[in-house]
């Protein structure tokens, strides 16, 4: 994980590009709507912004690594340690992006969320789920020649169950619906995240040996 932090810190323009994306898209929404009072529209726009930001941030997890670099890393650490470190780092990065998007989006177009704690829970579970799924997809795509196209093709259908559940949980948070009525969505997200992490831990060593 420390390697990922050092590389990201050296490559500051990538973080700057993500920050610029978040601010610019929120500002475009502000110019278009001024203030969004319709909760479903606000919630949908938020997750659209986060989805593309997450894809741009995590898609390069393995795709940008050369075969020589992957072989070198294989001599230093186990495949399980490498995939887990990338997933943890990407999860923290996506959580920072999600919180920043939430703050900027709320300041510019209004914040209708009535249950911030529940919405924060959705951000944590969403960041974890996106990180695990996109990191594994990036590892799979890195083994092909047309890796960017494959990542785009695989990404949407696999992320769809996670995204649909996040939309429902976050809408409940925005509407102020109680935890009792929303707990099922939390358990579904926890189960999806656990499945992704388990599959990554078990399958990544076979991808790594290729």
C-alpha atoms as a PDB file:
ATOM      1  CA  UNK A   1       0.000   0.000   0.000  1.00  0.00           C
ATOM      2  CA  UNK A   2       2.873   2.393   0.762  1.00  0.00           C
ATOM      3  CA  UNK A   3       4.133   1.865  -2.797  1.00  0.00           C
ATOM      4  CA  UNK A   4       0.787   2.997  -4.204  1.00  0.00           C
ATOM      5  CA  UNK A   5       0.810   6.104  -2.014  1.00  0.00           C
ATOM      6  CA  UNK A   6       4.348   7.038  -3.071  1.00  0.00           C
ATOM      7  CA  UNK A   7       3.605   6.511  -6.760  1.00  0.00           C
ATOM      8  CA  UNK A   8       0.415   8.548  -6.544  1.00  0.00           C
ATOM      9  CA  UNK A   9       2.214  11.328  -4.727  1.00  0.00           C
ATOM     10  CA  UNK A  10       4.884  11.472  -7.427  1.00  0.00           C
ATOM     11  CA  UNK A  11       2.188  11.536 -10.090  1.00  0.00           C
ATOM     12  CA  UNK A  12       0.413  14.591  -8.715  1.00  0.00           C
ATOM     13  CA  UNK A  13      -1.247  15.540 -11.992  1.00  0.00           C
ATOM     14  CA  UNK A  14      -3.468  12.434 -11.762  1.00  0.00           C
ATOM     15  CA  UNK A  15      -4.868  13.548  -8.395  1.00  0.00           C
ATOM     16  CA  UNK A  16      -5.197  17.072  -9.731  1.00  0.00           C
ATOM     17  CA  UNK A  17      -7.156  15.747 -12.686  1.00  0.00           C
ATOM     18  CA  UNK A  18      -9.565  13.924 -10.374  1.00  0.00           C
ATOM     19  CA  UNK A  19     -10.090  17.036  -8.259  1.00  0.00           C
ATOM     20  CA  UNK A  20     -10.651  19.096 -11.390  1.00  0.00           C
ATOM     21  CA  UNK A  21     -13.175  16.524 -12.634  1.00  0.00           C
ATOM     22  CA  UNK A  22     -15.169  16.606  -9.392  1.00  0.00           C
ATOM     23  CA  UNK A  23     -15.260  20.391  -9.162  1.00  0.00           C
ATOM     24  CA  UNK A  24     -15.959  20.971 -12.860  1.00  0.00           C
ATOM     25  CA  UNK A  25     -18.815  18.459 -13.100  1.00  0.00           C
ATOM     26  CA  UNK A  26     -20.434  19.828  -9.945  1.00  0.00           C
ATOM     27  CA  UNK A  27     -20.063  23.342 -11.330  1.00  0.00           C
ATOM     28  CA  UNK A  28     -21.660  22.324 -14.642  1.00  0.00           C
ATOM     29  CA  UNK A  29     -24.586  20.903 -12.655  1.00  0.00           C
ATOM     30  CA  UNK A  30     -24.822  24.206 -10.785  1.00  0.00           C
ATOM     31  CA  UNK A  31     -24.851  26.196 -14.034  1.00  0.00           C
ATOM     32  CA  UNK A  32     -27.578  23.936 -15.412  1.00  0.00           C
ATOM     33  CA  UNK A  33     -29.855  23.621 -12.386  1.00  0.00           C
ATOM     34  CA  UNK A  34     -28.744  26.326  -9.903  1.00  0.00           C
ATOM     35  CA  UNK A  35     -30.374  24.323  -7.122  1.00  0.00           C
ATOM     36  CA  UNK A  36     -31.703  20.773  -7.243  1.00  0.00           C
ATOM     37  CA  UNK A  37     -34.681  20.161  -4.974  1.00  0.00           C
ATOM     38  CA  UNK A  38     -35.768  16.854  -6.536  1.00  0.00           C
ATOM     39  CA  UNK A  39     -34.056  14.197  -4.406  1.00  0.00           C
ATOM     40  CA  UNK A  40     -33.935  11.400  -7.060  1.00  0.00           C
ATOM     41  CA  UNK A  41     -32.308  13.790  -9.554  1.00  0.00           C
ATOM     42  CA  UNK A  42     -29.771  15.005  -6.974  1.00  0.00           C
ATOM     43  CA  UNK A  43     -28.946  11.459  -5.936  1.00  0.00           C
ATOM     44  CA  UNK A  44     -28.618  10.178  -9.512  1.00  0.00           C
ATOM     45  CA  UNK A  45     -26.321  13.026 -10.550  1.00  0.00           C
ATOM     46  CA  UNK A  46     -24.150  12.481  -7.487  1.00  0.00           C
ATOM     47  CA  UNK A  47     -23.581   8.804  -8.248  1.00  0.00           C
ATOM     48  CA  UNK A  48     -23.003   9.487 -11.952  1.00  0.00           C
ATOM     49  CA  UNK A  49     -20.226  11.911 -11.030  1.00  0.00           C
ATOM     50  CA  UNK A  50     -18.772   9.455  -8.529  1.00  0.00           C
ATOM     51  CA  UNK A  51     -19.018   6.496 -10.933  1.00  0.00           C
ATOM     52  CA  UNK A  52     -16.937   8.137 -13.639  1.00  0.00           C
ATOM     53  CA  UNK A  53     -14.488   9.532 -11.099  1.00  0.00           C
ATOM     54  CA  UNK A  54     -14.058   6.088  -9.523  1.00  0.00           C
ATOM     55  CA  UNK A  55     -13.545   4.456 -12.913  1.00  0.00           C
ATOM     56  CA  UNK A  56     -10.855   6.950 -13.877  1.00  0.00           C
ATOM     57  CA  UNK A  57      -9.140   6.616 -10.500  1.00  0.00           C
ATOM     58  CA  UNK A  58      -9.067   2.815 -10.170  1.00  0.00           C
ATOM     59  CA  UNK A  59      -8.981   1.620 -13.791  1.00  0.00           C
ATOM     60  CA  UNK A  60      -5.242   2.207 -13.944  1.00  0.00           C
ATOM     61  CA  UNK A  61      -4.528  -0.013 -10.916  1.00  0.00           C
ATOM     62  CA  UNK A  62      -2.961  -2.798 -13.017  1.00  0.00           C
ATOM     63  CA  UNK A  63      -3.422  -1.596 -16.588  1.00  0.00           C
ATOM     64  CA  UNK A  64      -0.603   0.945 -16.283  1.00  0.00           C
ATOM     65  CA  UNK A  65       1.880  -1.629 -14.921  1.00  0.00           C
ATOM     66  CA  UNK A  66       4.234  -3.211 -17.439  1.00  0.00           C
ATOM     67  CA  UNK A  67       4.909  -6.955 -17.516  1.00  0.00           C
ATOM     68  CA  UNK A  68       8.409  -6.341 -16.170  1.00  0.00           C
ATOM     69  CA  UNK A  69       7.065  -4.339 -13.235  1.00  0.00           C
ATOM     70  CA  UNK A  70       4.482  -7.023 -12.442  1.00  0.00           C
ATOM     71  CA  UNK A  71       7.201  -9.686 -12.494  1.00  0.00           C
ATOM     72  CA  UNK A  72       9.353  -7.589 -10.164  1.00  0.00           C
ATOM     73  CA  UNK A  73       6.480  -7.140  -7.725  1.00  0.00           C
ATOM     74  CA  UNK A  74       5.846 -10.892  -7.819  1.00  0.00           C
ATOM     75  CA  UNK A  75       9.356 -11.445  -6.431  1.00  0.00           C
ATOM     76  CA  UNK A  76       8.777  -9.017  -3.572  1.00  0.00           C
ATOM     77  CA  UNK A  77       5.360  -9.966  -2.197  1.00  0.00           C
ATOM     78  CA  UNK A  78       2.644 -12.560  -2.466  1.00  0.00           C
ATOM     79  CA  UNK A  79      -0.188 -12.029  -4.988  1.00  0.00           C
ATOM     80  CA  UNK A  80      -2.701 -11.844  -2.149  1.00  0.00           C
ATOM     81  CA  UNK A  81      -0.746  -9.039  -0.458  1.00  0.00           C
ATOM     82  CA  UNK A  82      -0.526  -7.091  -3.718  1.00  0.00           C
ATOM     83  CA  UNK A  83      -4.232  -7.277  -4.599  1.00  0.00           C
ATOM     84  CA  UNK A  84      -5.319  -6.475  -1.043  1.00  0.00           C
ATOM     85  CA  UNK A  85      -2.962  -3.492  -0.825  1.00  0.00           C
ATOM     86  CA  UNK A  86      -4.291  -2.091  -4.108  1.00  0.00           C
ATOM     87  CA  UNK A  87      -7.889  -2.611  -3.028  1.00  0.00           C
ATOM     88  CA  UNK A  88      -7.337  -0.942   0.355  1.00  0.00           C
ATOM     89  CA  UNK A  89      -5.513   2.011  -1.193  1.00  0.00           C
ATOM     90  CA  UNK A  90      -8.102   2.430  -3.946  1.00  0.00           C
ATOM     91  CA  UNK A  91     -10.888   2.182  -1.382  1.00  0.00           C
ATOM     92  CA  UNK A  92      -9.375   5.017   0.669  1.00  0.00           C
ATOM     93  CA  UNK A  93      -8.849   7.083  -2.476  1.00  0.00           C
ATOM     94  CA  UNK A  94     -12.444   6.580  -3.605  1.00  0.00           C
ATOM     95  CA  UNK A  95     -13.771   7.443  -0.160  1.00  0.00           C
ATOM     96  CA  UNK A  96     -11.873  10.739  -0.266  1.00  0.00           C
ATOM     97  CA  UNK A  97     -13.268  11.403  -3.755  1.00  0.00           C
ATOM     98  CA  UNK A  98     -16.801  10.554  -2.635  1.00  0.00           C
ATOM     99  CA  UNK A  99     -16.640  12.862   0.400  1.00  0.00           C
ATOM    100  CA  UNK A 100     -15.168  15.657  -1.700  1.00  0.00           C
ATOM    101  CA  UNK A 101     -17.890  15.169  -4.325  1.00  0.00           C
ATOM    102  CA  UNK A 102     -20.561  15.185  -1.604  1.00  0.00           C
ATOM    103  CA  UNK A 103     -19.247  18.444  -0.122  1.00  0.00           C
ATOM    104  CA  UNK A 104     -18.718  20.292  -3.414  1.00  0.00           C
ATOM    105  CA  UNK A 105     -21.970  19.036  -4.914  1.00  0.00           C
ATOM    106  CA  UNK A 106     -23.895  19.958  -1.779  1.00  0.00           C
ATOM    107  CA  UNK A 107     -22.403  23.458  -1.594  1.00  0.00           C
ATOM    108  CA  UNK A 108     -23.106  24.266  -5.247  1.00  0.00           C
ATOM    109  CA  UNK A 109     -26.538  22.721  -5.885  1.00  0.00           C
ATOM    110  CA  UNK A 110     -27.854  22.214  -2.350  1.00  0.00           C
ATOM    111  CA  UNK A 111     -27.847  19.251  -0.002  1.00  0.00           C
ATOM    112  CA  UNK A 112     -31.252  17.595   0.529  1.00  0.00           C
ATOM    113  CA  UNK A 113     -29.889  14.651   2.572  1.00  0.00           C
ATOM    114  CA  UNK A 114     -31.835  14.270   5.820  1.00  0.00           C
ATOM    115  CA  UNK A 115     -29.793  11.382   7.230  1.00  0.00           C
ATOM    116  CA  UNK A 116     -26.087  12.200   6.704  1.00  0.00           C
ATOM    117  CA  UNK A 117     -24.923   9.206   8.754  1.00  0.00           C
ATOM    118  CA  UNK A 118     -26.733   6.765   6.494  1.00  0.00           C
ATOM    119  CA  UNK A 119     -25.445   8.561   3.412  1.00  0.00           C
ATOM    120  CA  UNK A 120     -21.898   8.365   4.794  1.00  0.00           C
ATOM    121  CA  UNK A 121     -22.421   4.628   5.276  1.00  0.00           C
ATOM    122  CA  UNK A 122     -23.439   4.365   1.630  1.00  0.00           C
ATOM    123  CA  UNK A 123     -20.286   6.253   0.628  1.00  0.00           C
ATOM    124  CA  UNK A 124     -18.061   3.916   2.662  1.00  0.00           C
ATOM    125  CA  UNK A 125     -19.696   0.749   1.321  1.00  0.00           C
ATOM    126  CA  UNK A 126     -19.789   2.158  -2.198  1.00  0.00           C
ATOM    127  CA  UNK A 127     -16.121   3.148  -2.149  1.00  0.00           C
ATOM    128  CA  UNK A 128     -15.184  -0.310  -0.873  1.00  0.00           C
ATOM    129  CA  UNK A 129     -17.309  -2.087  -3.474  1.00  0.00           C
ATOM    130  CA  UNK A 130     -16.110   0.012  -6.393  1.00  0.00           C
ATOM    131  CA  UNK A 131     -12.510  -0.395  -5.278  1.00  0.00           C
ATOM    132  CA  UNK A 132     -12.693  -4.187  -5.038  1.00  0.00           C
ATOM    133  CA  UNK A 133     -14.602  -4.678  -8.288  1.00  0.00           C
ATOM    134  CA  UNK A 134     -12.604  -2.245 -10.407  1.00  0.00           C
ATOM    135  CA  UNK A 135      -9.264  -3.443  -9.025  1.00  0.00           C
ATOM    136  CA  UNK A 136     -10.086  -7.037  -9.961  1.00  0.00           C
ATOM    137  CA  UNK A 137     -11.372  -5.983 -13.392  1.00  0.00           C
ATOM    138  CA  UNK A 138      -8.214  -3.959 -13.948  1.00  0.00           C
ATOM    139  CA  UNK A 139      -6.138  -7.039 -13.130  1.00  0.00           C
ATOM    140  CA  UNK A 140      -8.130  -9.111 -15.633  1.00  0.00           C
ATOM    141  CA  UNK A 141      -7.967  -6.427 -18.322  1.00  0.00           C
ATOM    142  CA  UNK A 142      -4.206  -6.020 -17.892  1.00  0.00           C
ATOM    143  CA  UNK A 143      -3.743  -9.553 -19.255  1.00  0.00           C
ATOM    144  CA  UNK A 144      -5.255  -8.614 -22.626  1.00  0.00           C
ATOM    145  CA  UNK A 145      -3.992  -6.389 -25.420  1.00  0.00           C
ATOM    146  CA  UNK A 146      -7.130  -4.255 -25.653  1.00  0.00           C
ATOM    147  CA  UNK A 147      -7.305  -3.742 -21.885  1.00  0.00           C
ATOM    148  CA  UNK A 148      -9.145  -0.416 -21.772  1.00  0.00           C
ATOM    149  CA  UNK A 149     -12.014  -1.648 -23.956  1.00  0.00           C
ATOM    150  CA  UNK A 150     -12.329  -4.872 -21.975  1.00  0.00           C
ATOM    151  CA  UNK A 151     -12.462  -2.952 -18.707  1.00  0.00           C
ATOM    152  CA  UNK A 152     -15.272  -0.770 -20.056  1.00  0.00           C
ATOM    153  CA  UNK A 153     -17.240  -3.763 -21.351  1.00  0.00           C
ATOM    154  CA  UNK A 154     -16.923  -5.782 -18.141  1.00  0.00           C
ATOM    155  CA  UNK A 155     -17.303  -2.879 -15.748  1.00  0.00           C
ATOM    156  CA  UNK A 156     -20.890  -1.762 -16.227  1.00  0.00           C
ATOM    157  CA  UNK A 157     -22.776  -5.106 -15.949  1.00  0.00           C
ATOM    158  CA  UNK A 158     -20.693  -6.212 -12.969  1.00  0.00           C
ATOM    159  CA  UNK A 159     -21.084  -2.895 -11.152  1.00  0.00           C
ATOM    160  CA  UNK A 160     -24.819  -2.685 -11.867  1.00  0.00           C
ATOM    161  CA  UNK A 161     -26.075  -4.651  -8.772  1.00  0.00           C
ATOM    162  CA  UNK A 162     -23.796  -2.617  -6.520  1.00  0.00           C
ATOM    163  CA  UNK A 163     -24.863   0.661  -8.100  1.00  0.00           C
ATOM    164  CA  UNK A 164     -28.592  -0.147  -7.905  1.00  0.00           C
ATOM    165  CA  UNK A 165     -28.327  -1.015  -4.206  1.00  0.00           C
ATOM    166  CA  UNK A 166     -26.321   2.136  -3.486  1.00  0.00           C
ATOM    167  CA  UNK A 167     -28.940   4.265  -5.228  1.00  0.00           C
ATOM    168  CA  UNK A 168     -31.695   2.820  -3.062  1.00  0.00           C
ATOM    169  CA  UNK A 169     -29.784   3.145   0.205  1.00  0.00           C
ATOM    170  CA  UNK A 170     -28.637   6.687  -0.532  1.00  0.00           C
ATOM    171  CA  UNK A 171     -32.138   7.733  -1.595  1.00  0.00           C
ATOM    172  CA  UNK A 172     -33.491   6.416   1.696  1.00  0.00           C
ATOM    173  CA  UNK A 173     -30.829   8.490   3.465  1.00  0.00           C
ATOM    174  CA  UNK A 174     -31.803  11.574   1.487  1.00  0.00           C
ATOM    175  CA  UNK A 175     -35.491  10.998   2.245  1.00  0.00           C
ATOM    176  CA  UNK A 176     -34.797  10.518   5.946  1.00  0.00           C
ATOM    177  CA  UNK A 177     -36.138   6.959   6.042  1.00  0.00           C
ATOM    178  CA  UNK A 178     -35.234   5.064   9.215  1.00  0.00           C
ATOM    179  CA  UNK A 179     -32.376   2.585   9.518  1.00  0.00           C
ATOM    180  CA  UNK A 180     -34.871  -0.208  10.106  1.00  0.00           C
ATOM    181  CA  UNK A 181     -36.326   0.245   6.629  1.00  0.00           C
ATOM    182  CA  UNK A 182     -32.881   0.497   5.019  1.00  0.00           C
ATOM    183  CA  UNK A 183     -30.918  -2.184   6.843  1.00  0.00           C
ATOM    184  CA  UNK A 184     -31.531  -4.781   4.107  1.00  0.00           C
ATOM    185  CA  UNK A 185     -29.612  -2.646   1.613  1.00  0.00           C
ATOM    186  CA  UNK A 186     -26.690  -2.366   4.032  1.00  0.00           C
ATOM    187  CA  UNK A 187     -26.521  -6.152   4.377  1.00  0.00           C
ATOM    188  CA  UNK A 188     -26.694  -6.584   0.596  1.00  0.00           C
ATOM    189  CA  UNK A 189     -23.801  -4.166   0.118  1.00  0.00           C
ATOM    190  CA  UNK A 190     -21.753  -5.917   2.802  1.00  0.00           C
ATOM    191  CA  UNK A 191     -22.419  -9.267   1.117  1.00  0.00           C
ATOM    192  CA  UNK A 192     -21.438  -7.931  -2.333  1.00  0.00           C
ATOM    193  CA  UNK A 193     -18.229  -6.460  -0.947  1.00  0.00           C
ATOM    194  CA  UNK A 194     -17.370  -9.685   0.866  1.00  0.00           C
ATOM    195  CA  UNK A 195     -17.909 -11.709  -2.328  1.00  0.00           C
ATOM    196  CA  UNK A 196     -15.698  -9.383  -4.372  1.00  0.00           C
ATOM    197  CA  UNK A 197     -12.888  -9.430  -1.812  1.00  0.00           C
ATOM    198  CA  UNK A 198     -13.072 -13.220  -1.466  1.00  0.00           C
ATOM    199  CA  UNK A 199     -13.004 -13.757  -5.228  1.00  0.00           C
ATOM    200  CA  UNK A 200     -10.101 -11.348  -5.612  1.00  0.00           C
ATOM    201  CA  UNK A 201      -8.130 -13.093  -2.861  1.00  0.00           C
ATOM    202  CA  UNK A 202      -8.728 -16.528  -4.394  1.00  0.00           C
ATOM    203  CA  UNK A 203      -8.495 -15.754  -8.123  1.00  0.00           C
ATOM    204  CA  UNK A 204      -5.809 -13.100  -8.353  1.00  0.00           C
ATOM    205  CA  UNK A 205      -2.879 -15.506  -7.788  1.00  0.00           C
ATOM    206  CA  UNK A 206      -3.903 -17.385 -10.976  1.00  0.00           C
ATOM    207  CA  UNK A 207      -4.066 -14.117 -12.947  1.00  0.00           C
ATOM    208  CA  UNK A 208      -0.722 -13.032 -11.521  1.00  0.00           C
ATOM    209  CA  UNK A 209       1.043 -16.219 -12.670  1.00  0.00           C
ATOM    210  CA  UNK A 210      -0.064 -15.606 -16.238  1.00  0.00           C
END
